[in-house]
């Protein structure tokens, strides 16, 4: 299982549904990960959220089914 650490405080994020994702244009230096739990009200992870399409506004091509 992959561990997710808050980029603001470096703490372990135990509840991934609370994560605030910041896109690459808002990236600052991430805190060093450590074993304590994240106590931030909204943990921060730099990068796109799961399922994010990097080219918003572009239609996804239809893939032929085999």
PDB file of N, CA and C in Angstrom:
ATOM      1  N   UNK A   1       0.845  -1.176   0.000  1.00  0.00           N
ATOM      2  CA  UNK A   1       0.000   0.000   0.000  1.00  0.00           C
ATOM      3  C   UNK A   1       0.891   1.240   0.000  1.00  0.00           C
ATOM      4  N   UNK A   2       0.509   2.224  -0.797  1.00  0.00           N
ATOM      5  CA  UNK A   2       1.266   3.465  -0.905  1.00  0.00           C
ATOM      6  C   UNK A   2       0.885   4.392   0.238  1.00  0.00           C
ATOM      7  N   UNK A   3       1.888   4.976   0.874  1.00  0.00           N
ATOM      8  CA  UNK A   3       1.629   5.952   1.934  1.00  0.00           C
ATOM      9  C   UNK A   3       1.539   7.339   1.304  1.00  0.00           C
ATOM     10  N   UNK A   4       0.602   8.134   1.779  1.00  0.00           N
ATOM     11  CA  UNK A   4       0.451   9.509   1.288  1.00  0.00           C
ATOM     12  C   UNK A   4       0.802  10.444   2.428  1.00  0.00           C
ATOM     13  N   UNK A   5       1.713  11.362   2.160  1.00  0.00           N
ATOM     14  CA  UNK A   5       2.142  12.324   3.168  1.00  0.00           C
ATOM     15  C   UNK A   5       1.759  13.731   2.723  1.00  0.00           C
ATOM     16  N   UNK A   6       1.359  14.546   3.674  1.00  0.00           N
ATOM     17  CA  UNK A   6       0.980  15.928   3.426  1.00  0.00           C
ATOM     18  C   UNK A   6       2.220  16.710   2.991  1.00  0.00           C
ATOM     19  N   UNK A   7       2.105  17.454   1.921  1.00  0.00           N
ATOM     20  CA  UNK A   7       3.224  18.247   1.442  1.00  0.00           C
ATOM     21  C   UNK A   7       3.379  19.541   2.236  1.00  0.00           C
ATOM     22  N   UNK A   8       2.390  19.893   3.052  1.00  0.00           N
ATOM     23  CA  UNK A   8       2.488  21.098   3.880  1.00  0.00           C
ATOM     24  C   UNK A   8       3.246  20.815   5.174  1.00  0.00           C
ATOM     25  N   UNK A   9       2.930  19.675   5.848  1.00  0.00           N
ATOM     26  CA  UNK A   9       3.567  19.380   7.139  1.00  0.00           C
ATOM     27  C   UNK A   9       4.435  18.129   7.117  1.00  0.00           C
ATOM     28  N   UNK A  10       4.277  17.282   6.109  1.00  0.00           N
ATOM     29  CA  UNK A  10       5.051  16.046   6.013  1.00  0.00           C
ATOM     30  C   UNK A  10       4.434  14.862   6.721  1.00  0.00           C
ATOM     31  N   UNK A  11       3.311  15.060   7.416  1.00  0.00           N
ATOM     32  CA  UNK A  11       2.667  13.992   8.171  1.00  0.00           C
ATOM     33  C   UNK A  11       1.924  12.994   7.293  1.00  0.00           C
ATOM     34  N   UNK A  12       1.733  11.787   7.838  1.00  0.00           N
ATOM     35  CA  UNK A  12       1.003  10.723   7.160  1.00  0.00           C
ATOM     36  C   UNK A  12      -0.475  11.091   7.083  1.00  0.00           C
ATOM     37  N   UNK A  13      -1.074  10.974   5.905  1.00  0.00           N
ATOM     38  CA  UNK A  13      -2.497  11.288   5.716  1.00  0.00           C
ATOM     39  C   UNK A  13      -3.290   9.994   5.886  1.00  0.00           C
ATOM     40  N   UNK A  14      -4.068   9.924   6.966  1.00  0.00           N
ATOM     41  CA  UNK A  14      -4.844   8.714   7.247  1.00  0.00           C
ATOM     42  C   UNK A  14      -6.216   8.728   6.582  1.00  0.00           C
ATOM     43  N   UNK A  15      -6.695   9.901   6.179  1.00  0.00           N
ATOM     44  CA  UNK A  15      -8.008  10.025   5.539  1.00  0.00           C
ATOM     45  C   UNK A  15      -7.834  10.718   4.185  1.00  0.00           C
ATOM     46  N   UNK A  16      -7.532   9.957   3.114  1.00  0.00           N
ATOM     47  CA  UNK A  16      -7.268  10.561   1.808  1.00  0.00           C
ATOM     48  C   UNK A  16      -8.419  11.392   1.233  1.00  0.00           C
ATOM     49  N   UNK A  17      -9.649  11.146   1.678  1.00  0.00           N
ATOM     50  CA  UNK A  17     -10.780  11.917   1.136  1.00  0.00           C
ATOM     51  C   UNK A  17     -10.731  13.386   1.557  1.00  0.00           C
ATOM     52  N   UNK A  18      -9.902  13.753   2.537  1.00  0.00           N
ATOM     53  CA  UNK A  18      -9.790  15.148   2.988  1.00  0.00           C
ATOM     54  C   UNK A  18      -8.710  15.935   2.226  1.00  0.00           C
ATOM     55  N   UNK A  19      -7.977  15.289   1.327  1.00  0.00           N
ATOM     56  CA  UNK A  19      -6.832  15.923   0.666  1.00  0.00           C
ATOM     57  C   UNK A  19      -7.262  17.090  -0.214  1.00  0.00           C
ATOM     58  N   UNK A  20      -6.479  18.181  -0.136  1.00  0.00           N
ATOM     59  CA  UNK A  20      -6.609  19.311  -1.051  1.00  0.00           C
ATOM     60  C   UNK A  20      -5.472  19.188  -2.055  1.00  0.00           C
ATOM     61  N   UNK A  21      -5.804  19.006  -3.326  1.00  0.00           N
ATOM     62  CA  UNK A  21      -4.777  18.874  -4.356  1.00  0.00           C
ATOM     63  C   UNK A  21      -4.470  20.244  -4.940  1.00  0.00           C
ATOM     64  N   UNK A  22      -3.192  20.558  -5.085  1.00  0.00           N
ATOM     65  CA  UNK A  22      -2.758  21.786  -5.732  1.00  0.00           C
ATOM     66  C   UNK A  22      -2.073  21.400  -7.025  1.00  0.00           C
ATOM     67  N   UNK A  23      -2.483  22.018  -8.116  1.00  0.00           N
ATOM     68  CA  UNK A  23      -1.908  21.700  -9.412  1.00  0.00           C
ATOM     69  C   UNK A  23      -0.477  22.219  -9.515  1.00  0.00           C
ATOM     70  N   UNK A  24       0.295  21.699 -10.455  1.00  0.00           N
ATOM     71  CA  UNK A  24       1.709  22.049 -10.566  1.00  0.00           C
ATOM     72  C   UNK A  24       2.015  23.546 -10.605  1.00  0.00           C
ATOM     73  N   UNK A  25       1.107  24.381 -11.084  1.00  0.00           N
ATOM     74  CA  UNK A  25       1.368  25.819 -11.140  1.00  0.00           C
ATOM     75  C   UNK A  25       1.417  26.439  -9.742  1.00  0.00           C
ATOM     76  N   UNK A  26       0.919  25.729  -8.732  1.00  0.00           N
ATOM     77  CA  UNK A  26       0.891  26.240  -7.355  1.00  0.00           C
ATOM     78  C   UNK A  26       1.924  25.554  -6.454  1.00  0.00           C
ATOM     79  N   UNK A  27       2.859  24.804  -7.040  1.00  0.00           N
ATOM     80  CA  UNK A  27       3.794  24.003  -6.245  1.00  0.00           C
ATOM     81  C   UNK A  27       4.796  24.867  -5.491  1.00  0.00           C
ATOM     82  N   UNK A  28       4.954  24.539  -4.243  1.00  0.00           N
ATOM     83  CA  UNK A  28       5.978  25.123  -3.381  1.00  0.00           C
ATOM     84  C   UNK A  28       6.834  23.959  -2.900  1.00  0.00           C
ATOM     85  N   UNK A  29       7.819  24.205  -2.107  1.00  0.00           N
ATOM     86  CA  UNK A  29       8.656  23.130  -1.584  1.00  0.00           C
ATOM     87  C   UNK A  29       7.850  22.274  -0.610  1.00  0.00           C
ATOM     88  N   UNK A  30       7.889  20.971  -0.824  1.00  0.00           N
ATOM     89  CA  UNK A  30       7.153  20.045   0.036  1.00  0.00           C
ATOM     90  C   UNK A  30       7.952  19.753   1.301  1.00  0.00           C
ATOM     91  N   UNK A  31       7.240  19.581   2.406  1.00  0.00           N
ATOM     92  CA  UNK A  31       7.871  19.223   3.679  1.00  0.00           C
ATOM     93  C   UNK A  31       8.384  17.789   3.599  1.00  0.00           C
ATOM     94  N   UNK A  32       9.418  17.491   4.363  1.00  0.00           N
ATOM     95  CA  UNK A  32       9.963  16.134   4.400  1.00  0.00           C
ATOM     96  C   UNK A  32       8.972  15.191   5.076  1.00  0.00           C
ATOM     97  N   UNK A  33       8.697  14.025   4.463  1.00  0.00           N
ATOM     98  CA  UNK A  33       7.769  13.067   5.073  1.00  0.00           C
ATOM     99  C   UNK A  33       8.303  12.536   6.408  1.00  0.00           C
ATOM    100  N   UNK A  34       7.388  12.283   7.331  1.00  0.00           N
ATOM    101  CA  UNK A  34       7.748  11.686   8.619  1.00  0.00           C
ATOM    102  C   UNK A  34       6.629  10.753   9.057  1.00  0.00           C
ATOM    103  N   UNK A  35       6.825  10.030  10.144  1.00  0.00           N
ATOM    104  CA  UNK A  35       5.881   8.986  10.542  1.00  0.00           C
ATOM    105  C   UNK A  35       4.677   9.474  11.346  1.00  0.00           C
ATOM    106  N   UNK A  36       4.688  10.724  11.819  1.00  0.00           N
ATOM    107  CA  UNK A  36       3.552  11.246  12.591  1.00  0.00           C
ATOM    108  C   UNK A  36       2.363  11.505  11.657  1.00  0.00           C
ATOM    109  N   UNK A  37       1.164  11.516  12.221  1.00  0.00           N
ATOM    110  CA  UNK A  37      -0.031  11.803  11.430  1.00  0.00           C
ATOM    111  C   UNK A  37      -0.114  13.284  11.083  1.00  0.00           C
ATOM    112  N   UNK A  38      -0.680  13.576   9.918  1.00  0.00           N
ATOM    113  CA  UNK A  38      -0.930  14.957   9.496  1.00  0.00           C
ATOM    114  C   UNK A  38      -2.068  15.508  10.357  1.00  0.00           C
ATOM    115  N   UNK A  39      -1.865  16.690  10.905  1.00  0.00           N
ATOM    116  CA  UNK A  39      -2.887  17.319  11.731  1.00  0.00           C
ATOM    117  C   UNK A  39      -3.490  18.554  11.041  1.00  0.00           C
ATOM    118  N   UNK A  40      -3.170  18.755   9.752  1.00  0.00           N
ATOM    119  CA  UNK A  40      -3.699  19.891   8.999  1.00  0.00           C
ATOM    120  C   UNK A  40      -5.211  19.713   8.799  1.00  0.00           C
ATOM    121  N   UNK A  41      -5.954  20.816   8.794  1.00  0.00           N
ATOM    122  CA  UNK A  41      -7.395  20.749   8.559  1.00  0.00           C
ATOM    123  C   UNK A  41      -7.680  20.165   7.174  1.00  0.00           C
ATOM    124  N   UNK A  42      -6.918  20.579   6.165  1.00  0.00           N
ATOM    125  CA  UNK A  42      -7.015  20.056   4.804  1.00  0.00           C
ATOM    126  C   UNK A  42      -5.608  19.695   4.344  1.00  0.00           C
ATOM    127  N   UNK A  43      -5.212  18.404   4.422  1.00  0.00           N
ATOM    128  CA  UNK A  43      -3.887  17.999   3.965  1.00  0.00           C
ATOM    129  C   UNK A  43      -3.660  18.430   2.515  1.00  0.00           C
ATOM    130  N   UNK A  44      -2.428  18.791   2.183  1.00  0.00           N
ATOM    131  CA  UNK A  44      -2.087  19.273   0.850  1.00  0.00           C
ATOM    132  C   UNK A  44      -1.198  18.267   0.135  1.00  0.00           C
ATOM    133  N   UNK A  45      -1.551  17.965  -1.119  1.00  0.00           N
ATOM    134  CA  UNK A  45      -0.723  17.142  -1.982  1.00  0.00           C
ATOM    135  C   UNK A  45      -0.545  17.917  -3.276  1.00  0.00           C
ATOM    136  N   UNK A  46       0.716  18.122  -3.689  1.00  0.00           N
ATOM    137  CA  UNK A  46       0.990  18.823  -4.939  1.00  0.00           C
ATOM    138  C   UNK A  46       0.891  17.844  -6.092  1.00  0.00           C
ATOM    139  N   UNK A  47       0.027  18.140  -7.021  1.00  0.00           N
ATOM    140  CA  UNK A  47      -0.183  17.288  -8.180  1.00  0.00           C
ATOM    141  C   UNK A  47      -1.663  17.164  -8.458  1.00  0.00           C
ATOM    142  N   UNK A  48      -1.993  16.592  -9.593  1.00  0.00           N
ATOM    143  CA  UNK A  48      -3.408  16.465  -9.954  1.00  0.00           C
ATOM    144  C   UNK A  48      -4.109  15.407  -9.116  1.00  0.00           C
ATOM    145  N   UNK A  49      -5.389  15.600  -8.847  1.00  0.00           N
ATOM    146  CA  UNK A  49      -6.154  14.589  -8.108  1.00  0.00           C
ATOM    147  C   UNK A  49      -6.349  13.344  -8.962  1.00  0.00           C
ATOM    148  N   UNK A  50      -6.663  12.228  -8.345  1.00  0.00           N
ATOM    149  CA  UNK A  50      -6.920  11.004  -9.112  1.00  0.00           C
ATOM    150  C   UNK A  50      -8.018  11.243 -10.145  1.00  0.00           C
ATOM    151  N   UNK A  51      -7.790  10.788 -11.368  1.00  0.00           N
ATOM    152  CA  UNK A  51      -8.776  10.928 -12.432  1.00  0.00           C
ATOM    153  C   UNK A  51      -8.730  12.256 -13.153  1.00  0.00           C
ATOM    154  N   UNK A  52      -7.804  13.148 -12.788  1.00  0.00           N
ATOM    155  CA  UNK A  52      -7.704  14.463 -13.424  1.00  0.00           C
ATOM    156  C   UNK A  52      -7.188  14.314 -14.842  1.00  0.00           C
ATOM    157  N   UNK A  53      -7.819  14.983 -15.787  1.00  0.00           N
ATOM    158  CA  UNK A  53      -7.376  14.993 -17.176  1.00  0.00           C
ATOM    159  C   UNK A  53      -6.511  16.231 -17.346  1.00  0.00           C
ATOM    160  N   UNK A  54      -5.259  16.061 -17.735  1.00  0.00           N
ATOM    161  CA  UNK A  54      -4.320  17.175 -17.804  1.00  0.00           C
ATOM    162  C   UNK A  54      -4.679  18.197 -18.868  1.00  0.00           C
ATOM    163  N   UNK A  55      -5.373  17.798 -19.907  1.00  0.00           N
ATOM    164  CA  UNK A  55      -5.748  18.731 -20.975  1.00  0.00           C
ATOM    165  C   UNK A  55      -7.250  18.966 -20.925  1.00  0.00           C
ATOM    166  N   UNK A  56      -7.681  19.728 -19.935  1.00  0.00           N
ATOM    167  CA  UNK A  56      -9.119  19.967 -19.828  1.00  0.00           C
ATOM    168  C   UNK A  56      -9.599  20.729 -21.049  1.00  0.00           C
ATOM    169  N   UNK A  57     -10.779  20.430 -21.489  1.00  0.00           N
ATOM    170  CA  UNK A  57     -11.337  21.076 -22.671  1.00  0.00           C
ATOM    171  C   UNK A  57     -11.112  20.262 -23.938  1.00  0.00           C
ATOM    172  N   UNK A  58     -10.226  19.291 -23.891  1.00  0.00           N
ATOM    173  CA  UNK A  58      -9.981  18.436 -25.042  1.00  0.00           C
ATOM    174  C   UNK A  58     -10.832  17.195 -24.902  1.00  0.00           C
ATOM    175  N   UNK A  59     -11.445  16.801 -25.983  1.00  0.00           N
ATOM    176  CA  UNK A  59     -12.260  15.601 -25.946  1.00  0.00           C
ATOM    177  C   UNK A  59     -11.378  14.364 -25.925  1.00  0.00           C
ATOM    178  N   UNK A  60     -11.811  13.375 -25.211  1.00  0.00           N
ATOM    179  CA  UNK A  60     -11.090  12.106 -25.159  1.00  0.00           C
ATOM    180  C   UNK A  60     -11.469  11.306 -26.399  1.00  0.00           C
ATOM    181  N   UNK A  61     -10.460  10.730 -27.080  1.00  0.00           N
ATOM    182  CA  UNK A  61     -10.767   9.939 -28.283  1.00  0.00           C
ATOM    183  C   UNK A  61     -11.493   8.651 -27.912  1.00  0.00           C
ATOM    184  N   UNK A  62     -12.349   8.198 -28.829  1.00  0.00           N
ATOM    185  CA  UNK A  62     -13.015   6.909 -28.636  1.00  0.00           C
ATOM    186  C   UNK A  62     -12.027   5.821 -28.976  1.00  0.00           C
ATOM    187  N   UNK A  63     -11.892   4.838 -28.107  1.00  0.00           N
ATOM    188  CA  UNK A  63     -10.990   3.735 -28.359  1.00  0.00           C
ATOM    189  C   UNK A  63     -11.798   2.558 -28.890  1.00  0.00           C
ATOM    190  N   UNK A  64     -11.351   1.987 -30.000  1.00  0.00           N
ATOM    191  CA  UNK A  64     -12.087   0.820 -30.522  1.00  0.00           C
ATOM    192  C   UNK A  64     -11.981  -0.355 -29.560  1.00  0.00           C
ATOM    193  N   UNK A  65     -13.065  -1.084 -29.453  1.00  0.00           N
ATOM    194  CA  UNK A  65     -13.081  -2.243 -28.575  1.00  0.00           C
ATOM    195  C   UNK A  65     -12.634  -3.453 -29.386  1.00  0.00           C
ATOM    196  N   UNK A  66     -11.777  -4.233 -28.775  1.00  0.00           N
ATOM    197  CA  UNK A  66     -11.240  -5.424 -29.474  1.00  0.00           C
ATOM    198  C   UNK A  66     -12.208  -6.574 -29.398  1.00  0.00           C
TER     199      UNK A  66
END
